[in-house]
């Protein structure tokens, strides 16, 4: 097992009516900005619950955060927070809203151009406003980690900002607030979480038996509970298990002390910027193709994954490896996500343009061994057509 330091300061309130507990975390004299997306925050009832919990506070609202939050559309929120002398930010939504709020928390006290926070991948962050997260779309795990993923569409950039100061102070997770999600978002959330787990698990053996078993447990939950959520959207236990799995999938626990990959995510960022695909849609296409292209380097863990997750123990290695990838592809399809670009109406992908962006953004020699080249990325993209 590799050396690691693990520290996660986020307090989690989980369960029905969890949102009512957030007021105890915010000083009564704090000026609070509530950040949210669109109608979903209201339709779920989460925004109303936050407003009720914080009745009597000095509140300011900033809505309209879109998926893949755009830096230039977040800046007005930064200016509003400065104007109103905001002390706390509460995000109500999914990963995009929480990521936007986390970035705003760093940008408000930052004296220089806030874009430098993205340019330096978060290294310039020295101070943040405290942030709380109220989750309505479980997928990203942003409610309990120290990263924010943002786009700047004008520059064709999507990248991560990471800093320990970006950990939310608290996260409220009420599974009932996910009941109104459409099937497409349920599927996206499950596939996104599944890919998060795979990027920390399907690398190479490092003696992390605890991490492996935790990751495998999460994968089993997703496989078992994900399809049920599509047909039983108001099954509390199903939604609770998926919500907690999404949080645990990227809160640092299963990735501590083991190698991590993330090359599928990095490639997916460029597809989102160029073609507008949702994050999970890019992963549904890229992950099976990535496993096929990089099979030699992932052979041992892919065989383990096939046996422990899909029960593949019969036949030769070549057969079992192919079946493990096929089972992964079939699961994504069962969750409603096509695994080819054409399934999203994308019939032409400029592979060279994608490679150029990867190179321009320094995304070369990626993966757990830093051996994922641009040529390999080209091959992966071809297999997604």
Protein backbone atom coordinates (compact mmCIF):
# COMPACT_ATOMS: atom_id res chain seq x y z
CA UNK A 1 0.00 0.00 0.00
CA UNK A 2 1.25 3.49 -0.82
CA UNK A 3 1.83 6.11 1.86
CA UNK A 4 -1.03 8.54 2.33
CA UNK A 5 -2.51 11.29 4.46
CA UNK A 6 -6.27 11.20 4.85
CA UNK A 7 -8.25 14.07 6.34
CA UNK A 8 -11.85 14.89 5.55
CA UNK A 9 -13.35 17.70 7.64
CA UNK A 10 -16.84 17.72 6.11
CA UNK A 11 -19.68 17.00 8.56
CA UNK A 12 -22.48 14.98 6.96
CA UNK A 13 -26.15 15.19 7.88
CA UNK A 14 -27.87 12.24 6.24
CA UNK A 15 -31.52 11.23 6.03
CA UNK A 16 -35.04 12.61 5.97
CA UNK A 17 -35.25 16.21 7.14
CA UNK A 18 -31.45 16.48 7.29
CA UNK A 19 -31.62 19.99 5.83
CA UNK A 20 -33.20 21.41 8.98
CA UNK A 21 -29.92 20.73 10.84
CA UNK A 22 -27.78 23.10 8.77
CA UNK A 23 -28.67 26.23 10.73
CA UNK A 24 -26.68 24.91 13.68
CA UNK A 25 -23.52 25.10 11.58
CA UNK A 26 -23.83 28.74 10.49
CA UNK A 27 -23.45 31.67 12.92
CA UNK A 28 -26.69 33.61 13.39
CA UNK A 29 -25.07 36.90 12.36
CA UNK A 30 -23.65 35.48 9.11
CA UNK A 31 -24.64 36.93 5.75
CA UNK A 32 -25.44 33.88 3.62
CA UNK A 33 -25.55 33.47 -0.15
CA UNK A 34 -27.67 30.57 -1.39
CA UNK A 35 -26.39 29.28 -4.73
CA UNK A 36 -28.52 27.00 -6.88
CA UNK A 37 -29.23 25.99 -10.46
CA UNK A 38 -32.70 26.09 -11.96
CA UNK A 39 -36.12 24.64 -11.37
CA UNK A 40 -34.78 21.38 -9.94
CA UNK A 41 -33.83 22.93 -6.61
CA UNK A 42 -37.40 24.17 -6.18
CA UNK A 43 -39.10 21.07 -7.60
CA UNK A 44 -37.30 18.81 -5.13
CA UNK A 45 -38.30 21.02 -2.22
CA UNK A 46 -34.66 21.42 -1.19
CA UNK A 47 -34.50 25.18 -1.77
CA UNK A 48 -37.65 25.79 0.25
CA UNK A 49 -36.26 23.62 3.05
CA UNK A 50 -33.02 25.61 3.08
CA UNK A 51 -34.90 28.91 3.20
CA UNK A 52 -37.00 27.56 6.07
CA UNK A 53 -33.96 26.30 7.96
CA UNK A 54 -32.23 29.67 7.58
CA UNK A 55 -35.27 31.84 8.35
CA UNK A 56 -34.08 34.94 10.16
CA UNK A 57 -30.66 34.96 8.50
CA UNK A 58 -29.51 37.73 6.17
CA UNK A 59 -29.91 35.85 2.87
CA UNK A 60 -28.99 36.55 -0.74
CA UNK A 61 -29.85 34.21 -3.62
CA UNK A 62 -27.79 33.53 -6.74
CA UNK A 63 -29.43 31.10 -9.15
CA UNK A 64 -28.97 29.94 -12.69
CA UNK A 65 -25.84 27.78 -12.28
CA UNK A 66 -25.84 25.51 -15.34
CA UNK A 67 -24.29 22.05 -15.77
CA UNK A 68 -20.54 22.27 -16.38
CA UNK A 69 -20.47 25.66 -14.65
CA UNK A 70 -18.92 28.39 -16.77
CA UNK A 71 -16.35 30.64 -15.15
CA UNK A 72 -17.67 33.75 -16.89
CA UNK A 73 -21.21 33.09 -15.64
CA UNK A 74 -20.01 32.51 -12.08
CA UNK A 75 -18.21 35.86 -11.85
CA UNK A 76 -21.44 37.87 -11.34
CA UNK A 77 -22.05 35.75 -8.26
CA UNK A 78 -18.56 36.57 -7.02
CA UNK A 79 -19.23 40.28 -7.47
CA UNK A 80 -22.61 40.00 -5.74
CA UNK A 81 -21.04 38.21 -2.80
CA UNK A 82 -18.43 40.94 -2.46
CA UNK A 83 -21.04 43.68 -2.74
CA UNK A 84 -23.24 42.09 -0.06
CA UNK A 85 -20.26 41.22 2.14
CA UNK A 86 -21.22 37.56 2.22
CA UNK A 87 -19.76 35.43 5.04
CA UNK A 88 -21.11 31.98 4.08
CA UNK A 89 -22.18 30.20 0.90
CA UNK A 90 -24.74 27.37 0.81
CA UNK A 91 -24.99 25.38 -2.42
CA UNK A 92 -28.28 23.66 -3.24
CA UNK A 93 -27.99 21.22 -6.13
CA UNK A 94 -25.68 18.69 -7.72
CA UNK A 95 -21.98 18.72 -8.44
CA UNK A 96 -22.08 21.68 -10.83
CA UNK A 97 -23.74 23.94 -8.26
CA UNK A 98 -21.48 22.77 -5.46
CA UNK A 99 -18.37 23.19 -7.62
CA UNK A 100 -19.45 26.70 -8.57
CA UNK A 101 -20.04 27.60 -4.92
CA UNK A 102 -16.65 26.23 -3.91
CA UNK A 103 -14.91 28.23 -6.61
CA UNK A 104 -16.82 31.36 -5.59
CA UNK A 105 -15.74 30.79 -1.99
CA UNK A 106 -12.11 31.05 -3.11
CA UNK A 107 -12.64 33.85 -5.63
CA UNK A 108 -14.45 36.27 -3.30
CA UNK A 109 -11.44 36.92 -1.00
CA UNK A 110 -8.87 36.54 -3.79
CA UNK A 111 -7.22 39.88 -4.61
CA UNK A 112 -5.97 39.03 -8.12
CA UNK A 113 -7.76 37.89 -11.28
CA UNK A 114 -9.90 34.90 -10.18
CA UNK A 115 -8.96 33.07 -13.36
CA UNK A 116 -5.53 32.51 -11.82
CA UNK A 117 -7.24 30.12 -9.42
CA UNK A 118 -8.12 27.92 -12.40
CA UNK A 119 -4.84 28.52 -14.19
CA UNK A 120 -2.86 27.23 -11.23
CA UNK A 121 -5.28 24.37 -10.53
CA UNK A 122 -6.05 25.74 -7.08
CA UNK A 123 -2.50 26.19 -5.85
CA UNK A 124 -3.05 29.94 -5.39
CA UNK A 125 -5.94 29.47 -2.93
CA UNK A 126 -4.99 30.75 0.52
CA UNK A 127 -8.40 31.66 1.93
CA UNK A 128 -12.02 30.68 1.30
CA UNK A 129 -15.44 31.53 2.61
CA UNK A 130 -17.06 28.59 4.40
CA UNK A 131 -19.34 26.53 2.17
CA UNK A 132 -22.19 24.18 2.98
CA UNK A 133 -23.70 21.75 0.46
CA UNK A 134 -27.28 20.53 0.17
CA UNK A 135 -27.32 17.70 -2.37
CA UNK A 136 -30.18 17.15 -4.82
CA UNK A 137 -28.32 15.15 -7.49
CA UNK A 138 -25.95 12.48 -6.16
CA UNK A 139 -23.10 11.86 -8.58
CA UNK A 140 -20.00 14.00 -8.24
CA UNK A 141 -19.11 13.54 -4.57
CA UNK A 142 -18.24 17.25 -4.52
CA UNK A 143 -20.15 17.64 -1.25
CA UNK A 144 -17.36 15.85 0.61
CA UNK A 145 -14.17 16.54 -1.33
CA UNK A 146 -11.69 19.31 -2.00
CA UNK A 147 -12.08 19.77 -5.75
CA UNK A 148 -14.19 21.85 -8.11
CA UNK A 149 -14.48 21.27 -11.85
CA UNK A 150 -15.17 24.34 -13.97
CA UNK A 151 -15.31 25.31 -17.61
CA UNK A 152 -14.41 28.49 -19.42
CA UNK A 153 -16.21 27.94 -22.66
CA UNK A 154 -14.80 31.04 -24.34
CA UNK A 155 -11.34 29.47 -24.05
CA UNK A 156 -12.47 25.84 -24.53
CA UNK A 157 -11.17 24.89 -21.11
CA UNK A 158 -12.57 22.48 -18.53
CA UNK A 159 -10.33 21.66 -15.62
CA UNK A 160 -10.18 20.87 -11.94
CA UNK A 161 -9.28 23.18 -9.08
CA UNK A 162 -8.13 21.33 -5.98
CA UNK A 163 -7.22 22.61 -2.54
CA UNK A 164 -7.90 21.34 1.00
CA UNK A 165 -9.64 24.64 1.78
CA UNK A 166 -12.40 23.73 -0.70
CA UNK A 167 -13.86 21.03 1.53
CA UNK A 168 -17.43 22.00 2.44
CA UNK A 169 -17.93 22.55 6.16
CA UNK A 170 -21.10 20.44 6.03
CA UNK A 171 -23.17 18.42 3.60
CA UNK A 172 -26.90 17.72 3.98
CA UNK A 173 -28.05 14.60 2.13
CA UNK A 174 -31.78 13.93 2.16
CA UNK A 175 -32.61 11.06 -0.25
CA UNK A 176 -36.20 12.28 -0.59
CA UNK A 177 -34.88 15.35 -2.43
CA UNK A 178 -33.82 13.07 -5.29
CA UNK A 179 -37.33 11.69 -5.93
CA UNK A 180 -38.09 14.25 -8.65
CA UNK A 181 -34.99 13.56 -10.74
CA UNK A 182 -35.73 12.43 -14.30
CA UNK A 183 -34.44 9.01 -15.35
CA UNK A 184 -31.68 10.56 -17.45
CA UNK A 185 -30.18 12.25 -14.40
CA UNK A 186 -30.54 9.11 -12.30
CA UNK A 187 -28.61 7.18 -14.94
CA UNK A 188 -25.99 9.90 -15.26
CA UNK A 189 -25.44 9.94 -11.51
CA UNK A 190 -24.98 6.18 -11.25
CA UNK A 191 -22.59 6.00 -14.21
CA UNK A 192 -20.61 9.00 -12.97
CA UNK A 193 -20.20 7.37 -9.56
CA UNK A 194 -19.30 4.01 -11.12
CA UNK A 195 -16.57 5.68 -13.19
CA UNK A 196 -15.22 7.51 -10.13
CA UNK A 197 -14.81 4.20 -8.35
CA UNK A 198 -13.21 2.50 -11.36
CA UNK A 199 -10.65 5.27 -11.83
CA UNK A 200 -9.41 4.59 -8.29
CA UNK A 201 -9.74 0.81 -8.44
CA UNK A 202 -8.94 -0.44 -11.96
CA UNK A 203 -5.25 0.45 -12.00
CA UNK A 204 -2.63 -2.05 -10.79
CA UNK A 205 -2.28 -4.07 -7.56
CA UNK A 206 -0.79 -2.04 -4.72
CA UNK A 207 -1.63 -4.20 -1.73
CA UNK A 208 -4.61 -2.04 -0.82
CA UNK A 209 -6.99 -4.83 0.14
CA UNK A 210 -9.12 -2.52 2.31
CA UNK A 211 -9.49 0.00 -0.50
CA UNK A 212 -10.25 -2.75 -3.04
CA UNK A 213 -12.99 -4.26 -0.91
CA UNK A 214 -14.53 -0.86 -0.18
CA UNK A 215 -14.51 -0.02 -3.89
CA UNK A 216 -15.97 -3.39 -4.81
CA UNK A 217 -18.73 -2.91 -2.27
CA UNK A 218 -19.68 0.40 -3.84
CA UNK A 219 -19.69 -1.13 -7.32
CA UNK A 220 -22.00 -3.93 -6.16
CA UNK A 221 -24.38 -1.38 -4.64
CA UNK A 222 -24.49 0.63 -7.86
CA UNK A 223 -25.12 -2.46 -9.99
CA UNK A 224 -27.86 -3.67 -7.67
CA UNK A 225 -29.57 -0.41 -6.80
CA UNK A 226 -29.04 1.68 -9.94
CA UNK A 227 -31.58 -0.11 -12.17
CA UNK A 228 -34.09 -0.18 -9.29
CA UNK A 229 -33.98 3.62 -9.07
CA UNK A 230 -35.13 3.88 -12.69
CA UNK A 231 -38.33 1.96 -11.97
CA UNK A 232 -38.80 2.82 -8.27
CA UNK A 233 -37.86 6.51 -8.13
CA UNK A 234 -39.44 7.00 -4.69
CA UNK A 235 -37.95 3.94 -3.02
CA UNK A 236 -36.23 5.60 -0.07
CA UNK A 237 -33.71 2.86 0.65
CA UNK A 238 -32.65 2.66 -3.00
CA UNK A 239 -32.16 6.41 -3.22
CA UNK A 240 -30.38 6.52 0.13
CA UNK A 241 -27.88 3.85 -0.89
CA UNK A 242 -27.15 5.53 -4.22
CA UNK A 243 -26.75 8.91 -2.54
CA UNK A 244 -24.28 7.61 0.05
CA UNK A 245 -22.39 5.60 -2.58
CA UNK A 246 -21.90 8.75 -4.67
CA UNK A 247 -20.46 10.59 -1.68
CA UNK A 248 -18.15 7.74 -0.65
CA UNK A 249 -17.07 7.22 -4.25
CA UNK A 250 -15.07 10.45 -4.28
CA UNK A 251 -14.47 11.64 -0.73
CA UNK A 252 -10.87 10.41 -0.72
CA UNK A 253 -11.42 7.20 1.23
CA UNK A 254 -11.17 4.52 -1.47
CA UNK A 255 -8.35 6.34 -3.26
CA UNK A 256 -6.09 6.73 -0.23
CA UNK A 257 -2.94 4.64 -0.54
CA UNK A 258 -3.62 3.27 -4.03
CA UNK A 259 -2.71 4.48 -7.55
CA UNK A 260 -5.36 6.48 -9.41
CA UNK A 261 -6.03 6.96 -13.10
CA UNK A 262 -8.46 9.79 -14.16
CA UNK A 263 -7.42 9.75 -17.82
CA UNK A 264 -10.99 8.98 -18.96
CA UNK A 265 -12.17 12.02 -17.02
CA UNK A 266 -9.51 14.26 -18.55
CA UNK A 267 -10.40 13.13 -22.05
CA UNK A 268 -14.08 13.56 -21.28
CA UNK A 269 -13.54 17.20 -20.32
CA UNK A 270 -12.47 18.00 -23.87
CA UNK A 271 -15.54 16.26 -25.32
CA UNK A 272 -17.79 18.29 -23.05
CA UNK A 273 -16.14 21.55 -24.06
CA UNK A 274 -16.21 20.77 -27.79
CA UNK A 275 -19.52 18.94 -28.16
CA UNK A 276 -21.59 19.66 -25.07
CA UNK A 277 -21.86 16.05 -23.90
CA UNK A 278 -22.76 15.62 -20.25
CA UNK A 279 -19.91 14.41 -18.08
CA UNK A 280 -21.44 10.97 -17.49
CA UNK A 281 -22.19 10.61 -21.20
CA UNK A 282 -18.52 11.03 -22.02
CA UNK A 283 -17.57 8.46 -19.39
CA UNK A 284 -20.11 5.91 -20.62
CA UNK A 285 -18.39 6.00 -24.02
CA UNK A 286 -14.80 6.38 -22.90
CA UNK A 287 -14.46 3.94 -20.00
CA UNK A 288 -15.12 0.70 -21.95
CA UNK A 289 -12.94 1.91 -24.82
CA UNK A 290 -10.22 2.97 -22.37
CA UNK A 291 -10.20 -0.46 -20.75
CA UNK A 292 -9.88 -2.18 -24.12
CA UNK A 293 -6.99 -0.01 -25.31
CA UNK A 294 -5.13 -0.11 -22.00
CA UNK A 295 -5.86 -3.73 -21.21
CA UNK A 296 -2.20 -4.87 -20.85
CA UNK A 297 -1.48 -2.37 -18.06
CA UNK A 298 -4.76 -3.06 -16.25
CA UNK A 299 -4.83 -6.82 -16.78
CA UNK A 300 -4.45 -7.97 -13.17
CA UNK A 301 -7.02 -5.63 -11.69
CA UNK A 302 -9.40 -6.13 -14.62
CA UNK A 303 -9.35 -9.88 -14.02
CA UNK A 304 -10.01 -9.24 -10.32
CA UNK A 305 -12.84 -6.88 -11.22
CA UNK A 306 -14.35 -9.43 -13.58
CA UNK A 307 -14.31 -12.17 -10.96
CA UNK A 308 -15.32 -10.20 -7.88
CA UNK A 309 -17.89 -7.91 -9.49
CA UNK A 310 -19.28 -9.93 -12.39
CA UNK A 311 -18.52 -13.49 -11.26
CA UNK A 312 -16.32 -14.23 -14.28
CA UNK A 313 -14.09 -17.15 -13.37
CA UNK A 314 -14.54 -19.62 -16.23
CA UNK A 315 -12.58 -19.65 -19.45
CA UNK A 316 -9.24 -18.23 -20.48
CA UNK A 317 -7.92 -14.79 -19.54
CA UNK A 318 -8.66 -13.27 -22.94
CA UNK A 319 -12.30 -14.32 -22.70
CA UNK A 320 -12.72 -13.09 -19.13
CA UNK A 321 -11.11 -9.72 -19.87
CA UNK A 322 -13.39 -9.16 -22.85
CA UNK A 323 -16.43 -10.21 -20.82
CA UNK A 324 -15.56 -7.81 -17.98
CA UNK A 325 -15.42 -4.91 -20.41
CA UNK A 326 -18.61 -6.09 -22.08
CA UNK A 327 -20.44 -6.33 -18.75
CA UNK A 328 -19.37 -2.76 -17.94
CA UNK A 329 -20.67 -1.50 -21.27
CA UNK A 330 -23.95 -3.39 -20.81
CA UNK A 331 -24.47 -1.89 -17.34
CA UNK A 332 -24.02 1.64 -18.65
CA UNK A 333 -26.51 0.90 -21.42
CA UNK A 334 -28.96 -0.53 -18.87
CA UNK A 335 -28.77 2.75 -16.98
CA UNK A 336 -29.89 4.52 -20.15
CA UNK A 337 -26.52 5.81 -21.36
CA UNK A 338 -25.34 4.82 -24.85
CA UNK A 339 -21.70 3.81 -25.04
CA UNK A 340 -21.06 5.18 -28.54
CA UNK A 341 -21.04 8.83 -29.57
CA UNK A 342 -23.71 8.18 -32.17
CA UNK A 343 -26.13 7.35 -29.37
CA UNK A 344 -26.05 11.03 -28.42
CA UNK A 345 -26.50 12.23 -31.98
CA UNK A 346 -22.79 12.93 -32.31
CA UNK A 347 -21.81 11.49 -35.67
CA UNK A 348 -18.56 13.36 -36.19
CA UNK A 349 -15.76 13.83 -33.67
CA UNK A 350 -12.64 15.70 -34.72
CA UNK A 351 -10.12 13.40 -33.07
CA UNK A 352 -7.16 15.58 -33.98
CA UNK A 353 -8.85 18.64 -32.49
CA UNK A 354 -9.44 16.75 -29.25
CA UNK A 355 -5.78 15.65 -29.19
CA UNK A 356 -4.67 19.24 -29.78
CA UNK A 357 -6.69 20.45 -26.80
CA UNK A 358 -5.31 17.70 -24.59
CA UNK A 359 -1.78 18.68 -25.53
CA UNK A 360 -2.49 22.39 -25.08
CA UNK A 361 -3.85 21.73 -21.59
CA UNK A 362 -0.84 19.63 -20.62
CA UNK A 363 -2.84 16.41 -20.54
CA UNK A 364 -0.16 14.08 -21.85
CA UNK A 365 1.43 11.03 -20.21
CA UNK A 366 -1.65 10.50 -18.05
CA UNK A 367 -2.91 7.47 -16.16
CA UNK A 368 -1.69 5.62 -13.09
CA UNK A 369 1.67 4.97 -14.74
CA UNK A 370 1.84 8.23 -16.73
CA UNK A 371 2.00 6.17 -19.90
CA UNK A 372 -1.26 7.18 -21.62
CA UNK A 373 -0.09 8.93 -24.77
CA UNK A 374 -1.99 11.07 -27.25
CA UNK A 375 -1.87 8.18 -29.72
CA UNK A 376 -3.61 5.98 -27.17
CA UNK A 377 -6.23 8.69 -26.69
CA UNK A 378 -6.79 8.79 -30.43
CA UNK A 379 -7.33 5.04 -30.45
CA UNK A 380 -9.78 5.30 -27.56
CA UNK A 381 -11.80 7.95 -29.38
CA UNK A 382 -11.94 5.86 -32.54
CA UNK A 383 -13.44 2.99 -30.56
CA UNK A 384 -16.23 5.28 -29.35
CA UNK A 385 -17.45 6.18 -32.82
